[in-house]
């Protein structure tokens, strides 16, 4: 399940981007901590700001995320300010692994890593990054031949399905469900696993195929020795796969890494 891999550390040199903002009351969950779906939206926001800072936004406006890893080491509690630090942990000409560290002003810490694919919206396929942008991202990693490999491959187990309703507001211009909405589905498990989500935990979510508005969406789960597996299905087909696992108390670095 790749839950024991460690994330790439912040480099001492190279192109590292930072931005800060205030946590809104709409960004927190029922425990007044930064919610996992808000973390996904933060990763989108810092990515756009990063592209603008690099002068690469117009040429690289559209991205698809294939995997997101979120390690909640110390929860970020509202009210608070956050600083997000973003750098490249591995890349190839058409995709990259981007690390983002989210630090709360009051001591909260979330480490993340996401596999992003640069898209051509005319061909609907991966697109090469411009050389200048590729070279800037390369300054923080020696991994320039990044390959995609799924970490979560188990098939869904029948008998635990629950419905998850979609709204028109959950979709983008192609009627695809935004990746943060998948994490709203994961939040439906909070009441069933309070101890798991109360302590340091890792969330891995892999997006296999887009969900569109109008499809019948369900969630199914399976217990594991250290957490829970989750499948998000549309019309009976697994479109996303997630795993939530405990991080040992006292851990200062999150398990997870760039796939090679």
Protein backbone atom coordinates (compact mmCIF):
# COMPACT_ATOMS: atom_id res chain seq x y z
CA UNK A 1 0.00 0.00 0.00
CA UNK A 2 3.12 2.23 0.06
CA UNK A 3 2.11 3.62 3.43
CA UNK A 4 5.62 3.18 4.83
CA UNK A 5 7.50 5.34 2.31
CA UNK A 6 8.94 8.68 3.35
CA UNK A 7 8.32 11.91 1.50
CA UNK A 8 11.11 13.93 -0.09
CA UNK A 9 12.48 16.54 2.29
CA UNK A 10 12.58 20.26 1.59
CA UNK A 11 15.72 20.99 -0.46
CA UNK A 12 18.29 23.54 0.62
CA UNK A 13 18.55 25.01 -2.88
CA UNK A 14 16.41 25.31 -6.00
CA UNK A 15 13.06 26.81 -6.91
CA UNK A 16 10.81 26.62 -3.84
CA UNK A 17 7.59 28.63 -3.76
CA UNK A 18 5.78 29.88 -0.65
CA UNK A 19 2.45 31.56 -0.01
CA UNK A 20 0.33 32.26 3.06
CA UNK A 21 -3.31 32.96 3.85
CA UNK A 22 -5.89 32.89 6.62
CA UNK A 23 -7.86 29.71 7.31
CA UNK A 24 -11.54 30.45 6.78
CA UNK A 25 -14.30 29.11 8.99
CA UNK A 26 -15.63 27.37 5.84
CA UNK A 27 -12.33 25.43 5.54
CA UNK A 28 -12.74 23.42 8.74
CA UNK A 29 -14.59 20.27 9.70
CA UNK A 30 -16.89 19.53 12.62
CA UNK A 31 -13.87 19.47 14.95
CA UNK A 32 -12.76 22.96 13.81
CA UNK A 33 -9.63 21.51 12.18
CA UNK A 34 -8.63 22.06 8.57
CA UNK A 35 -10.67 19.50 6.62
CA UNK A 36 -9.15 17.06 4.14
CA UNK A 37 -11.26 18.42 1.29
CA UNK A 38 -10.03 21.94 2.09
CA UNK A 39 -6.47 20.60 1.99
CA UNK A 40 -7.17 19.37 -1.55
CA UNK A 41 -8.46 22.82 -2.52
CA UNK A 42 -5.39 24.41 -0.92
CA UNK A 43 -3.18 22.21 -3.11
CA UNK A 44 -5.02 23.51 -6.19
CA UNK A 45 -4.71 27.13 -5.03
CA UNK A 46 -1.00 26.95 -4.21
CA UNK A 47 -0.41 25.21 -7.54
CA UNK A 48 -2.03 28.08 -9.46
CA UNK A 49 -0.09 30.69 -7.48
CA UNK A 50 3.11 28.73 -8.13
CA UNK A 51 2.45 28.70 -11.90
CA UNK A 52 1.81 32.45 -11.89
CA UNK A 53 5.01 33.09 -9.93
CA UNK A 54 6.95 30.98 -12.45
CA UNK A 55 5.43 32.82 -15.41
CA UNK A 56 4.03 29.49 -16.60
CA UNK A 57 0.30 29.83 -15.99
CA UNK A 58 -0.85 30.60 -19.55
CA UNK A 59 1.04 27.64 -21.04
CA UNK A 60 0.20 25.19 -18.22
CA UNK A 61 -3.32 26.07 -17.11
CA UNK A 62 -4.86 22.60 -17.02
CA UNK A 63 -3.71 19.74 -14.80
CA UNK A 64 -5.17 16.41 -13.69
CA UNK A 65 -4.20 14.87 -10.36
CA UNK A 66 -3.70 11.08 -10.29
CA UNK A 67 -2.66 10.61 -6.67
CA UNK A 68 -2.65 12.74 -3.55
CA UNK A 69 -0.91 11.79 -0.31
CA UNK A 70 -1.84 13.77 2.81
CA UNK A 71 -0.09 13.19 6.13
CA UNK A 72 -1.85 14.98 8.97
CA UNK A 73 0.90 15.04 11.59
CA UNK A 74 -0.46 17.84 13.78
CA UNK A 75 -3.94 19.17 12.97
CA UNK A 76 -4.33 22.79 11.92
CA UNK A 77 -7.01 24.31 14.11
CA UNK A 78 -9.20 27.31 13.32
CA UNK A 79 -8.62 30.21 13.69
CA UNK A 80 -5.11 30.24 12.27
CA UNK A 81 -2.90 31.34 9.40
CA UNK A 82 -1.11 28.84 7.18
CA UNK A 83 2.07 28.95 5.14
CA UNK A 84 2.31 26.59 2.18
CA UNK A 85 5.69 25.61 0.76
CA UNK A 86 5.70 23.92 -2.67
CA UNK A 87 8.51 22.25 -4.61
CA UNK A 88 9.03 19.52 -7.19
CA UNK A 89 9.96 16.05 -5.92
CA UNK A 90 10.22 14.31 -9.31
CA UNK A 91 9.17 14.89 -12.90
CA UNK A 92 9.07 13.84 -16.52
CA UNK A 93 8.24 16.10 -19.47
CA UNK A 94 4.45 15.61 -19.05
CA UNK A 95 3.93 15.12 -15.31
CA UNK A 96 5.44 15.78 -11.92
CA UNK A 97 5.27 14.97 -8.23
CA UNK A 98 4.77 18.14 -6.24
CA UNK A 99 5.41 18.36 -2.50
CA UNK A 100 3.47 20.85 -0.41
CA UNK A 101 4.08 21.46 3.28
CA UNK A 102 1.20 23.17 5.10
CA UNK A 103 2.26 24.79 8.38
CA UNK A 104 -0.13 26.43 10.80
CA UNK A 105 0.98 29.44 12.79
CA UNK A 106 -0.01 27.62 15.99
CA UNK A 107 2.01 24.48 15.33
CA UNK A 108 -0.15 22.44 12.97
CA UNK A 109 1.67 20.46 10.28
CA UNK A 110 0.44 18.64 7.19
CA UNK A 111 2.79 17.11 4.62
CA UNK A 112 1.47 16.35 1.14
CA UNK A 113 2.59 15.02 -2.21
CA UNK A 114 0.59 14.88 -5.43
CA UNK A 115 1.15 13.38 -8.88
CA UNK A 116 0.02 15.97 -11.44
CA UNK A 117 -0.34 15.54 -15.23
CA UNK A 118 -0.08 18.56 -17.51
CA UNK A 119 -3.04 18.37 -19.92
CA UNK A 120 -3.80 19.55 -23.43
CA UNK A 121 -7.52 20.33 -23.40
CA UNK A 122 -7.80 20.05 -27.19
CA UNK A 123 -6.40 16.53 -27.43
CA UNK A 124 -7.59 15.55 -23.90
CA UNK A 125 -4.16 13.97 -23.34
CA UNK A 126 -0.93 14.70 -21.46
CA UNK A 127 1.09 17.62 -22.79
CA UNK A 128 4.79 18.43 -22.59
CA UNK A 129 5.83 21.20 -20.26
CA UNK A 130 7.71 24.11 -21.75
CA UNK A 131 11.48 23.69 -21.41
CA UNK A 132 11.95 26.75 -19.21
CA UNK A 133 9.32 25.62 -16.71
CA UNK A 134 10.63 22.04 -16.75
CA UNK A 135 14.14 23.31 -16.03
CA UNK A 136 12.96 25.44 -13.09
CA UNK A 137 11.11 22.51 -11.51
CA UNK A 138 14.19 20.32 -12.05
CA UNK A 139 16.25 22.44 -9.67
CA UNK A 140 14.76 20.69 -6.61
CA UNK A 141 15.01 17.07 -7.74
CA UNK A 142 17.35 14.64 -9.47
CA UNK A 143 14.39 12.45 -10.54
CA UNK A 144 13.76 13.50 -14.14
CA UNK A 145 12.27 10.20 -15.40
CA UNK A 146 9.24 9.95 -13.15
CA UNK A 147 6.86 7.12 -13.97
CA UNK A 148 3.30 6.44 -12.87
CA UNK A 149 2.63 3.31 -10.83
CA UNK A 150 -0.55 2.81 -8.77
CA UNK A 151 -0.12 2.11 -5.09
CA UNK A 152 -3.68 1.00 -4.36
CA UNK A 153 -4.72 -2.06 -6.37
CA UNK A 154 -7.13 -4.06 -4.19
CA UNK A 155 -10.61 -4.69 -5.60
CA UNK A 156 -13.67 -3.35 -3.74
CA UNK A 157 -15.42 -5.64 -1.32
CA UNK A 158 -19.20 -5.97 -1.68
CA UNK A 159 -21.71 -5.46 1.11
CA UNK A 160 -20.65 -2.13 2.63
CA UNK A 161 -21.94 0.34 0.05
CA UNK A 162 -23.50 3.63 1.08
CA UNK A 163 -24.81 6.35 -1.26
CA UNK A 164 -23.03 9.65 -1.84
CA UNK A 165 -25.07 12.41 -3.48
CA UNK A 166 -23.52 14.74 -6.06
CA UNK A 167 -24.48 18.36 -6.73
CA UNK A 168 -24.09 20.43 -9.89
CA UNK A 169 -21.74 22.68 -7.91
CA UNK A 170 -19.37 19.72 -7.39
CA UNK A 171 -18.33 19.70 -11.08
CA UNK A 172 -16.08 21.63 -13.44
CA UNK A 173 -16.68 22.89 -16.97
CA UNK A 174 -16.55 19.32 -18.30
CA UNK A 175 -19.08 18.16 -15.69
CA UNK A 176 -16.29 16.19 -13.99
CA UNK A 177 -16.39 16.05 -10.20
CA UNK A 178 -13.65 18.18 -8.62
CA UNK A 179 -10.98 16.10 -6.86
CA UNK A 180 -11.74 17.76 -3.51
CA UNK A 181 -15.28 16.31 -3.60
CA UNK A 182 -13.86 12.79 -3.42
CA UNK A 183 -12.43 13.75 -0.04
CA UNK A 184 -15.85 14.92 1.08
CA UNK A 185 -16.89 11.32 0.46
CA UNK A 186 -14.02 10.11 2.65
CA UNK A 187 -15.23 12.47 5.40
CA UNK A 188 -18.42 10.41 5.54
CA UNK A 189 -16.30 7.79 7.36
CA UNK A 190 -15.32 10.07 10.23
CA UNK A 191 -18.12 8.95 12.60
CA UNK A 192 -17.24 5.28 11.97
CA UNK A 193 -13.50 5.70 12.69
CA UNK A 194 -13.10 8.51 15.25
CA UNK A 195 -9.83 7.17 16.70
CA UNK A 196 -8.22 6.84 13.27
CA UNK A 197 -8.95 10.41 12.25
CA UNK A 198 -8.20 11.84 15.71
CA UNK A 199 -4.53 10.85 15.68
CA UNK A 200 -1.78 11.40 13.13
CA UNK A 201 -2.89 9.68 9.93
CA UNK A 202 -2.03 9.29 6.28
CA UNK A 203 -4.56 9.54 3.48
CA UNK A 204 -3.72 8.25 0.02
CA UNK A 205 -6.28 8.79 -2.73
CA UNK A 206 -5.81 7.67 -6.34
CA UNK A 207 -8.11 8.96 -9.06
CA UNK A 208 -8.70 6.32 -11.73
CA UNK A 209 -11.44 7.79 -13.92
CA UNK A 210 -13.54 10.94 -13.73
CA UNK A 211 -17.01 10.90 -12.18
CA UNK A 212 -19.60 13.01 -13.98
CA UNK A 213 -22.79 14.55 -12.65
CA UNK A 214 -25.78 12.23 -12.91
CA UNK A 215 -23.92 9.02 -12.20
CA UNK A 216 -24.96 6.94 -9.19
CA UNK A 217 -22.12 7.27 -6.67
CA UNK A 218 -21.52 4.95 -3.71
CA UNK A 219 -18.79 4.42 -1.13
CA UNK A 220 -17.58 1.02 0.02
CA UNK A 221 -14.97 0.23 2.68
CA UNK A 222 -12.83 -2.57 4.12
CA UNK A 223 -11.05 -2.66 7.45
CA UNK A 224 -7.26 -3.17 7.54
CA UNK A 225 -4.98 -3.83 10.55
CA UNK A 226 -3.90 -0.18 10.65
CA UNK A 227 -6.81 1.66 9.08
CA UNK A 228 -9.39 1.41 6.33
CA UNK A 229 -9.57 1.09 2.54
CA UNK A 230 -12.15 3.10 0.63
CA UNK A 231 -13.53 2.79 -2.90
CA UNK A 232 -15.64 5.48 -4.54
CA UNK A 233 -17.79 3.90 -7.23
CA UNK A 234 -19.91 5.42 -10.00
CA UNK A 235 -22.51 3.19 -11.62
CA UNK A 236 -20.74 0.23 -9.98
CA UNK A 237 -17.26 1.05 -11.33
CA UNK A 238 -14.42 1.99 -8.95
CA UNK A 239 -13.40 5.51 -9.99
CA UNK A 240 -11.18 6.31 -6.99
CA UNK A 241 -9.42 4.28 -4.33
CA UNK A 242 -8.29 5.59 -0.95
CA UNK A 243 -6.43 4.28 2.07
CA UNK A 244 -6.34 5.84 5.53
CA UNK A 245 -3.67 4.52 7.89
CA UNK A 246 -2.35 5.51 11.30
CA UNK A 247 0.99 7.26 11.62
CA UNK A 248 2.87 6.21 14.77
CA UNK A 249 2.63 8.79 17.54
CA UNK A 250 5.69 11.00 17.73
CA UNK A 251 6.57 10.64 14.05
CA UNK A 252 8.02 13.88 12.68
CA UNK A 253 8.38 12.82 9.04
CA UNK A 254 5.50 11.43 7.09
CA UNK A 255 5.63 8.02 5.42
CA UNK A 256 5.23 8.33 1.57
CA UNK A 257 7.46 8.97 -1.44
CA UNK A 258 7.72 9.67 -5.09
CA UNK A 259 7.24 6.49 -7.11
CA UNK A 260 10.19 5.55 -9.33
